[in-house]
N, C-alpha and C. Protein backbone atom coordinates (compact mmCIF):
# COMPACT_ATOMS: atom_id res chain seq x y z
N MET A 1 101.48 86.55 18.60
CA MET A 1 101.68 87.11 17.03
C MET A 1 101.58 88.50 16.80
N ASN A 2 102.14 89.50 16.27
CA ASN A 2 101.26 90.57 15.82
C ASN A 2 100.77 90.43 14.65
N PHE A 3 99.74 91.85 14.49
CA PHE A 3 98.96 92.44 13.30
C PHE A 3 99.91 93.48 12.74
N LYS A 4 99.77 93.23 11.16
CA LYS A 4 100.48 93.98 10.71
C LYS A 4 99.87 94.92 10.14
N LEU A 5 100.06 96.09 9.60
CA LEU A 5 98.91 96.92 8.73
C LEU A 5 99.27 97.09 7.40
N VAL A 6 98.50 95.95 6.79
CA VAL A 6 99.54 95.65 5.13
C VAL A 6 98.45 95.02 4.09
N GLU A 7 96.73 94.62 5.02
CA GLU A 7 96.01 94.31 4.02
C GLU A 7 95.54 95.00 2.92
N ARG A 8 94.70 96.29 3.74
CA ARG A 8 94.34 97.22 2.37
C ARG A 8 95.49 97.96 2.09
N PHE A 9 96.85 97.98 2.31
CA PHE A 9 97.90 98.75 2.36
C PHE A 9 99.07 98.20 1.79
N THR A 10 98.65 98.23 0.26
CA THR A 10 99.63 97.23 -0.67
C THR A 10 100.87 97.84 -0.29
N ASN A 11 101.21 99.09 -0.48
CA ASN A 11 102.16 99.88 -0.48
C ASN A 11 102.62 100.95 -0.01
N GLU A 12 103.30 101.86 0.19
CA GLU A 12 103.82 102.63 1.25
C GLU A 12 102.56 104.16 0.71
N TYR A 13 102.42 103.98 -0.53
CA TYR A 13 101.32 104.75 -1.17
C TYR A 13 100.01 105.08 0.01
N GLU A 14 99.35 103.66 0.03
CA GLU A 14 98.66 103.26 0.38
C GLU A 14 98.60 103.45 1.57
N LEU A 15 99.48 102.91 2.79
CA LEU A 15 99.43 103.49 3.91
C LEU A 15 99.68 104.93 4.70
N ARG A 16 100.33 105.71 3.73
CA ARG A 16 100.36 107.26 3.72
C ARG A 16 99.55 107.55 3.76
N ASN A 17 98.44 107.28 2.79
CA ASN A 17 96.72 107.93 2.37
C ASN A 17 95.96 107.62 3.64
N HIS A 18 96.15 106.10 4.14
CA HIS A 18 95.65 105.90 5.41
C HIS A 18 95.73 106.35 6.79
N HIS A 19 97.16 106.91 6.45
CA HIS A 19 97.82 107.65 8.13
C HIS A 19 96.92 108.92 7.91
N ASN A 20 97.06 109.54 6.29
CA ASN A 20 97.26 110.68 6.68
C ASN A 20 95.50 110.87 6.81
N ARG A 21 94.93 110.42 6.22
CA ARG A 21 92.94 110.47 5.98
C ARG A 21 92.30 110.37 7.99
N HIS A 22 93.21 109.03 8.86
CA HIS A 22 93.08 109.32 10.17
C HIS A 22 93.40 109.85 11.24
N ALA A 23 94.69 110.13 10.63
CA ALA A 23 95.94 110.51 12.01
C ALA A 23 96.29 112.24 11.40
N VAL A 24 96.81 112.20 10.71
CA VAL A 24 97.73 113.73 10.42
C VAL A 24 96.26 114.66 9.53
N GLY A 25 95.57 114.09 8.97
CA GLY A 25 94.37 115.30 8.12
C GLY A 25 93.39 114.56 8.28
N GLY A 26 92.30 115.30 6.96
CA GLY A 26 90.81 114.31 7.37
C GLY A 26 90.23 114.20 8.75
N ASP A 27 90.00 113.43 9.26
CA ASP A 27 89.17 113.02 10.23
C ASP A 27 90.18 113.44 11.87
N ARG A 28 91.85 113.25 11.24
CA ARG A 28 92.37 113.96 12.70
C ARG A 28 92.10 113.14 13.90
N TYR A 29 92.29 111.79 13.96
CA TYR A 29 91.98 111.05 15.11
C TYR A 29 93.24 110.64 15.96
N TYR A 30 94.39 111.10 14.90
CA TYR A 30 95.66 111.01 15.74
C TYR A 30 96.50 111.80 14.93
N PRO A 31 96.36 113.41 15.80
CA PRO A 31 96.79 114.53 15.29
C PRO A 31 98.40 114.36 15.07
N ASN A 32 99.10 113.66 16.56
CA ASN A 32 100.65 113.93 16.78
C ASN A 32 100.93 112.29 16.36
N ASP A 33 100.71 111.57 15.46
CA ASP A 33 100.91 109.86 15.88
C ASP A 33 101.74 109.96 14.65
N SER A 34 102.88 109.36 14.38
CA SER A 34 103.53 109.38 13.45
C SER A 34 103.39 107.86 12.89
N LYS A 35 103.27 107.14 11.16
CA LYS A 35 102.94 106.34 11.03
C LYS A 35 102.94 105.05 11.73
N GLU A 36 104.68 104.97 12.44
CA GLU A 36 104.53 103.95 13.53
C GLU A 36 103.92 103.80 15.01
N THR A 37 103.65 104.69 15.55
CA THR A 37 103.12 104.88 16.65
C THR A 37 101.39 104.68 16.14
N TYR A 38 100.73 105.32 15.37
CA TYR A 38 99.72 105.05 14.76
C TYR A 38 99.24 103.39 14.72
N THR A 39 100.55 102.44 13.79
CA THR A 39 100.65 101.38 13.57
C THR A 39 100.53 100.67 15.42
N LYS A 40 101.38 100.86 16.03
CA LYS A 40 101.23 100.18 17.36
C LYS A 40 100.48 100.11 17.81
N LYS A 41 99.43 101.33 18.28
CA LYS A 41 98.42 101.36 18.84
C LYS A 41 97.15 100.42 17.94
N ALA A 42 97.10 99.90 16.79
CA ALA A 42 96.72 99.28 16.27
C ALA A 42 96.65 97.75 16.30
N GLU A 43 98.25 97.44 16.19
CA GLU A 43 98.35 96.38 16.65
C GLU A 43 97.72 96.02 18.05
N ASP A 44 98.53 96.91 19.39
CA ASP A 44 98.34 96.53 20.78
C ASP A 44 96.54 96.62 20.68
N LEU A 45 96.27 97.05 20.22
CA LEU A 45 94.34 97.14 20.23
C LEU A 45 93.99 95.20 20.09
N ALA A 46 94.66 95.28 18.80
CA ALA A 46 94.02 93.99 18.43
C ALA A 46 94.74 93.08 19.00
N ASN A 47 96.01 92.73 19.92
CA ASN A 47 96.43 91.93 20.17
C ASN A 47 95.89 91.44 21.84
N LEU A 48 94.90 92.65 22.30
CA LEU A 48 94.15 92.77 24.07
C LEU A 48 92.96 91.57 23.39
N PRO A 49 92.99 90.77 24.60
CA PRO A 49 91.35 90.29 24.92
C PRO A 49 90.48 91.27 25.00
N VAL A 50 89.56 90.21 24.72
CA VAL A 50 88.28 91.14 24.88
C VAL A 50 87.75 90.78 26.26
N ASP A 51 87.29 91.85 27.22
CA ASP A 51 86.82 91.75 28.42
C ASP A 51 85.41 92.14 28.53
N MET A 52 84.50 92.89 27.45
CA MET A 52 82.99 93.21 27.56
C MET A 52 83.21 94.26 27.93
N PHE A 53 84.16 94.85 29.04
CA PHE A 53 83.84 96.15 29.75
C PHE A 53 84.90 97.08 29.46
N ARG A 54 86.29 96.98 29.30
CA ARG A 54 87.05 98.09 28.52
C ARG A 54 87.17 97.64 27.53
N ILE A 55 87.69 96.30 26.89
CA ILE A 55 87.59 96.13 25.41
C ILE A 55 86.51 95.34 24.88
N GLN A 56 86.08 95.69 24.12
CA GLN A 56 84.83 95.29 23.88
C GLN A 56 84.90 94.67 22.19
N GLY A 57 84.75 93.66 21.57
CA GLY A 57 84.33 93.23 20.67
C GLY A 57 83.37 92.32 19.96
N TYR A 58 83.69 92.22 18.39
CA TYR A 58 82.62 91.08 18.26
C TYR A 58 83.14 90.33 16.78
N LYS A 59 82.74 89.78 15.99
CA LYS A 59 83.23 88.92 15.02
C LYS A 59 82.41 89.28 14.08
N CYS A 60 82.62 89.34 12.90
CA CYS A 60 81.86 89.64 11.76
C CYS A 60 81.56 88.61 10.60
N LYS A 61 80.36 88.76 9.94
CA LYS A 61 80.63 87.66 8.77
C LYS A 61 81.54 87.65 7.90
N PRO A 62 81.92 86.74 7.24
CA PRO A 62 82.88 86.30 6.25
C PRO A 62 82.11 87.94 4.80
N ASP A 63 83.44 88.27 4.43
CA ASP A 63 83.29 89.11 3.11
C ASP A 63 83.24 88.20 2.01
N SER A 64 83.33 89.03 0.88
CA SER A 64 83.06 88.55 -0.30
C SER A 64 84.16 87.35 -0.92
N LEU A 65 85.04 87.35 -0.25
CA LEU A 65 86.19 86.73 -0.46
C LEU A 65 86.03 85.79 0.29
N GLY A 66 85.38 85.62 1.75
CA GLY A 66 85.32 84.40 2.23
C GLY A 66 86.43 84.68 3.98
N ARG A 67 86.93 85.59 3.85
CA ARG A 67 87.67 86.35 4.91
C ARG A 67 86.77 86.86 6.28
N THR A 68 87.04 86.19 7.70
CA THR A 68 86.53 86.58 8.58
C THR A 68 86.83 87.69 9.18
N ARG A 69 86.44 88.88 9.73
CA ARG A 69 87.08 90.20 10.11
C ARG A 69 86.28 90.41 11.58
N TYR A 70 87.57 91.03 12.56
CA TYR A 70 87.42 90.96 13.87
C TYR A 70 87.38 92.62 14.50
N VAL A 71 86.18 93.10 15.21
CA VAL A 71 86.19 94.29 15.41
C VAL A 71 86.78 94.23 16.80
N LYS A 72 87.35 95.48 17.60
CA LYS A 72 87.44 95.16 18.90
C LYS A 72 87.53 97.06 18.68
N TRP A 73 87.43 97.24 20.47
CA TRP A 73 86.80 98.58 21.00
C TRP A 73 87.48 99.22 21.92
N ASN A 74 88.30 99.71 22.27
CA ASN A 74 88.52 100.11 23.64
C ASN A 74 87.82 101.84 24.07
N ARG A 75 86.85 101.05 25.00
CA ARG A 75 85.67 101.79 25.87
C ARG A 75 86.85 103.56 26.27
N ASP A 76 88.09 102.97 26.73
CA ASP A 76 88.75 104.33 27.29
C ASP A 76 88.77 105.45 26.59
N THR A 77 89.66 105.03 25.24
CA THR A 77 90.05 105.66 24.36
C THR A 77 89.38 105.70 23.07
N HIS A 78 88.51 104.84 22.64
CA HIS A 78 87.44 105.39 21.51
C HIS A 78 87.99 104.57 20.64
N ASP A 79 89.33 103.77 20.88
CA ASP A 79 89.51 103.40 19.77
C ASP A 79 89.14 102.56 18.96
N PHE A 80 88.96 101.94 17.58
CA PHE A 80 88.27 100.89 16.86
C PHE A 80 88.94 100.46 15.90
N VAL A 81 89.42 99.13 15.92
CA VAL A 81 90.13 98.42 15.12
C VAL A 81 89.48 97.57 14.59
N VAL A 82 89.49 97.25 13.18
CA VAL A 82 88.97 95.92 12.57
C VAL A 82 90.10 94.96 12.22
N TYR A 83 90.32 93.85 12.25
CA TYR A 83 91.54 92.74 11.88
C TYR A 83 90.89 92.04 11.20
N GLY A 84 91.88 91.17 11.04
CA GLY A 84 91.84 89.48 10.36
C GLY A 84 92.79 88.72 9.30
N ARG A 85 92.75 87.92 7.96
CA ARG A 85 93.84 87.52 8.25
C ARG A 85 94.27 87.97 6.47
N ASP A 86 94.96 88.05 6.03
CA ASP A 86 95.40 88.35 4.54
C ASP A 86 94.86 87.80 3.57
N ALA A 87 94.97 88.19 2.33
CA ALA A 87 94.02 87.71 1.21
C ALA A 87 94.45 86.06 1.15
N GLU A 88 95.79 85.40 1.60
CA GLU A 88 95.58 84.10 1.16
C GLU A 88 94.98 83.66 2.40
N GLY A 89 94.90 84.16 3.32
CA GLY A 89 94.53 83.20 4.86
C GLY A 89 95.72 83.00 6.00
N SER A 90 96.90 83.99 5.56
CA SER A 90 97.62 83.31 6.28
C SER A 90 98.52 84.13 7.55
N GLU A 91 98.51 85.51 6.89
CA GLU A 91 99.13 86.18 8.33
C GLU A 91 97.87 87.25 8.13
N PRO A 92 98.13 87.47 10.13
CA PRO A 92 97.13 88.38 9.93
C PRO A 92 97.28 89.99 10.20
N VAL A 93 96.26 90.72 9.92
CA VAL A 93 96.41 92.02 9.83
C VAL A 93 95.37 92.77 10.04
N ILE A 94 95.82 94.25 10.02
CA ILE A 94 94.77 94.85 11.01
C ILE A 94 94.16 96.23 9.62
N ILE A 95 93.12 95.82 9.05
CA ILE A 95 92.46 96.23 7.96
C ILE A 95 92.34 98.02 8.01
N SER A 96 91.83 98.38 9.43
CA SER A 96 91.52 99.98 9.85
C SER A 96 91.94 100.43 11.14
N MET A 97 91.63 101.19 11.56
CA MET A 97 91.85 101.89 12.91
C MET A 97 91.48 103.53 12.94
N TYR A 98 90.39 103.77 13.67
CA TYR A 98 89.85 104.88 14.19
C TYR A 98 89.24 105.12 15.40
N LYS A 99 88.33 106.46 15.43
CA LYS A 99 88.20 107.25 16.92
C LYS A 99 86.70 106.69 16.35
N VAL A 100 85.65 105.80 17.69
CA VAL A 100 84.43 105.82 17.38
C VAL A 100 83.59 106.24 18.62
N PRO A 101 82.52 106.59 18.81
CA PRO A 101 82.35 107.16 19.91
C PRO A 101 81.55 106.01 20.53
N PRO A 102 80.98 106.15 21.97
CA PRO A 102 80.75 105.12 22.07
C PRO A 102 79.07 105.02 21.37
N LYS A 103 78.17 105.73 21.63
CA LYS A 103 77.01 105.78 20.98
C LYS A 103 76.83 104.90 19.48
N GLN A 104 78.05 105.51 18.53
CA GLN A 104 78.32 104.77 17.29
C GLN A 104 78.66 103.49 17.55
N PHE A 105 79.53 103.25 18.48
CA PHE A 105 79.62 101.42 18.49
C PHE A 105 78.86 101.22 19.48
N ALA A 106 77.53 101.24 20.36
CA ALA A 106 76.48 100.54 20.30
C ALA A 106 75.87 100.70 18.74
N TYR A 107 75.56 101.30 17.90
CA TYR A 107 74.88 101.46 16.99
C TYR A 107 75.58 100.35 16.19
N ARG A 108 76.75 100.22 15.83
CA ARG A 108 77.54 99.00 15.38
C ARG A 108 77.34 98.10 15.53
N LEU A 109 77.46 97.47 16.86
CA LEU A 109 77.16 96.26 17.65
C LEU A 109 75.76 95.59 17.21
N ASN A 110 74.66 96.73 17.45
CA ASN A 110 73.47 96.40 16.89
C ASN A 110 73.31 95.99 15.48
N THR A 111 74.05 96.48 14.68
CA THR A 111 73.40 96.77 13.81
C THR A 111 74.33 95.74 12.08
N ASP A 112 76.09 95.90 12.52
CA ASP A 112 77.07 95.46 11.86
C ASP A 112 76.23 94.33 11.28
N THR A 113 76.87 93.09 10.34
CA THR A 113 76.96 91.74 10.34
C THR A 113 77.58 91.16 10.89
N ARG A 114 77.26 90.37 12.11
CA ARG A 114 77.84 89.85 13.39
C ARG A 114 77.67 88.23 13.28
N ILE A 115 78.33 87.96 13.59
CA ILE A 115 77.90 86.18 14.44
C ILE A 115 79.02 85.92 15.80
N ASP A 116 78.07 85.22 15.94
CA ASP A 116 78.64 85.20 17.31
C ASP A 116 79.50 83.89 16.98
N GLY A 117 81.10 83.71 18.12
CA GLY A 117 82.22 83.40 18.20
C GLY A 117 83.14 83.68 18.62
N GLU A 118 84.31 83.31 19.40
CA GLU A 118 85.09 83.60 19.90
C GLU A 118 86.34 84.73 19.53
N ILE A 119 86.52 85.65 19.62
CA ILE A 119 87.47 86.80 18.89
C ILE A 119 88.70 86.64 19.08
N PRO A 120 89.17 86.10 18.77
CA PRO A 120 90.80 86.04 18.59
C PRO A 120 91.79 87.16 18.72
N TYR A 121 92.74 86.91 19.81
CA TYR A 121 93.45 87.80 19.82
C TYR A 121 95.20 87.20 19.89
N GLY A 122 95.93 88.24 19.26
CA GLY A 122 97.50 87.06 18.99
C GLY A 122 97.17 86.16 17.94
N MET A 123 96.52 85.96 16.80
CA MET A 123 96.48 85.06 16.27
C MET A 123 97.30 84.59 15.95
């Protein structure tokens, strides 16, 4: 099942703001990507299995609403995606994607509130 950028982007305005922040403005992690290309990159990474070499990842503790989040990081591209289920717990969704350098990912890996468990792909 594919993931979709919907949870934090309840409307076109929110999606545009997120795309502008990480793609075309602000951070400029993806300066040449359209919203569609940016979304596809996030979905593709979320749907890859973790091999703990090229694709690394971990499972985060549940948020304040009890939803579990998952993180994946591509060692080659430094793409970092956070995904999980929507507010109802039924639809898989992308929460965010941006670039994270290796040292920052190592720091997150050691300091995020994570828990052991299988990291799903293609939920």
